[in-house]
């Protein structure tokens, strides 16, 4: 089970640090939070697709 052992190693290595996905998991419990997540994800993907910052002058 190399994938499982790699996951355990990663989890032990990251002990004591804040999870990188905490904000998304913590906000997923309400309709309002889901809307915010959707808007942020859409803006991020738009930014990646256009190759730049659309708000930059």
C-alpha atoms as a PDB file:
ATOM      1  CA  UNK A   1       0.000   0.000   0.000  1.00  0.00           C
ATOM      2  CA  UNK A   2       2.448   2.675  -1.115  1.00  0.00           C
ATOM      3  CA  UNK A   3      -0.225   5.376  -1.411  1.00  0.00           C
ATOM      4  CA  UNK A   4      -1.404   4.859   2.154  1.00  0.00           C
ATOM      5  CA  UNK A   5       2.122   4.903   3.566  1.00  0.00           C
ATOM      6  CA  UNK A   6       2.899   8.071   1.609  1.00  0.00           C
ATOM      7  CA  UNK A   7      -0.234   9.683   3.039  1.00  0.00           C
ATOM      8  CA  UNK A   8       0.730   8.705   6.584  1.00  0.00           C
ATOM      9  CA  UNK A   9       4.243  10.079   6.050  1.00  0.00           C
ATOM     10  CA  UNK A  10       2.830  13.365   4.728  1.00  0.00           C
ATOM     11  CA  UNK A  11       0.406  13.682   7.647  1.00  0.00           C
ATOM     12  CA  UNK A  12       3.160  13.053  10.194  1.00  0.00           C
ATOM     13  CA  UNK A  13       5.478  15.503   8.425  1.00  0.00           C
ATOM     14  CA  UNK A  14       2.800  18.236   8.574  1.00  0.00           C
ATOM     15  CA  UNK A  15       1.946  17.673  12.256  1.00  0.00           C
ATOM     16  CA  UNK A  16       1.428  20.979  14.039  1.00  0.00           C
ATOM     17  CA  UNK A  17       0.813  23.034  10.892  1.00  0.00           C
ATOM     18  CA  UNK A  18      -2.465  24.520   9.734  1.00  0.00           C
ATOM     19  CA  UNK A  19      -4.187  22.544   6.993  1.00  0.00           C
ATOM     20  CA  UNK A  20      -4.009  24.215   3.594  1.00  0.00           C
ATOM     21  CA  UNK A  21      -7.705  23.585   2.899  1.00  0.00           C
ATOM     22  CA  UNK A  22      -9.090  24.741   6.246  1.00  0.00           C
ATOM     23  CA  UNK A  23     -10.869  27.791   4.847  1.00  0.00           C
ATOM     24  CA  UNK A  24     -12.749  25.827   2.218  1.00  0.00           C
ATOM     25  CA  UNK A  25     -13.810  23.001   4.506  1.00  0.00           C
ATOM     26  CA  UNK A  26     -14.791  25.404   7.268  1.00  0.00           C
ATOM     27  CA  UNK A  27     -16.964  27.458   4.933  1.00  0.00           C
ATOM     28  CA  UNK A  28     -18.818  24.596   3.270  1.00  0.00           C
ATOM     29  CA  UNK A  29     -21.643  24.324   5.763  1.00  0.00           C
ATOM     30  CA  UNK A  30     -24.066  27.002   4.600  1.00  0.00           C
ATOM     31  CA  UNK A  31     -25.646  28.290   1.413  1.00  0.00           C
ATOM     32  CA  UNK A  32     -23.965  31.685   1.826  1.00  0.00           C
ATOM     33  CA  UNK A  33     -20.541  30.137   2.303  1.00  0.00           C
ATOM     34  CA  UNK A  34     -21.010  27.864  -0.695  1.00  0.00           C
ATOM     35  CA  UNK A  35     -21.832  30.940  -2.791  1.00  0.00           C
ATOM     36  CA  UNK A  36     -18.655  32.699  -1.626  1.00  0.00           C
ATOM     37  CA  UNK A  37     -16.561  29.632  -2.435  1.00  0.00           C
ATOM     38  CA  UNK A  38     -18.141  29.396  -5.893  1.00  0.00           C
ATOM     39  CA  UNK A  39     -17.459  33.065  -6.619  1.00  0.00           C
ATOM     40  CA  UNK A  40     -13.846  32.836  -5.441  1.00  0.00           C
ATOM     41  CA  UNK A  41     -13.218  29.694  -7.462  1.00  0.00           C
ATOM     42  CA  UNK A  42     -14.778  31.238 -10.569  1.00  0.00           C
ATOM     43  CA  UNK A  43     -12.663  34.384 -10.216  1.00  0.00           C
ATOM     44  CA  UNK A  44      -9.521  32.302  -9.703  1.00  0.00           C
ATOM     45  CA  UNK A  45     -10.194  30.146 -12.755  1.00  0.00           C
ATOM     46  CA  UNK A  46     -10.984  33.238 -14.841  1.00  0.00           C
ATOM     47  CA  UNK A  47      -7.670  34.710 -13.730  1.00  0.00           C
ATOM     48  CA  UNK A  48      -5.793  31.560 -14.736  1.00  0.00           C
ATOM     49  CA  UNK A  49      -7.576  31.316 -18.072  1.00  0.00           C
ATOM     50  CA  UNK A  50      -6.955  34.931 -19.081  1.00  0.00           C
ATOM     51  CA  UNK A  51      -3.322  34.764 -17.999  1.00  0.00           C
ATOM     52  CA  UNK A  52      -3.378  37.942 -16.008  1.00  0.00           C
ATOM     53  CA  UNK A  53      -5.089  40.204 -13.595  1.00  0.00           C
ATOM     54  CA  UNK A  54      -8.225  41.718 -15.139  1.00  0.00           C
ATOM     55  CA  UNK A  55      -8.243  44.465 -12.483  1.00  0.00           C
ATOM     56  CA  UNK A  56      -4.719  45.590 -13.296  1.00  0.00           C
ATOM     57  CA  UNK A  57      -4.549  48.955 -15.017  1.00  0.00           C
END
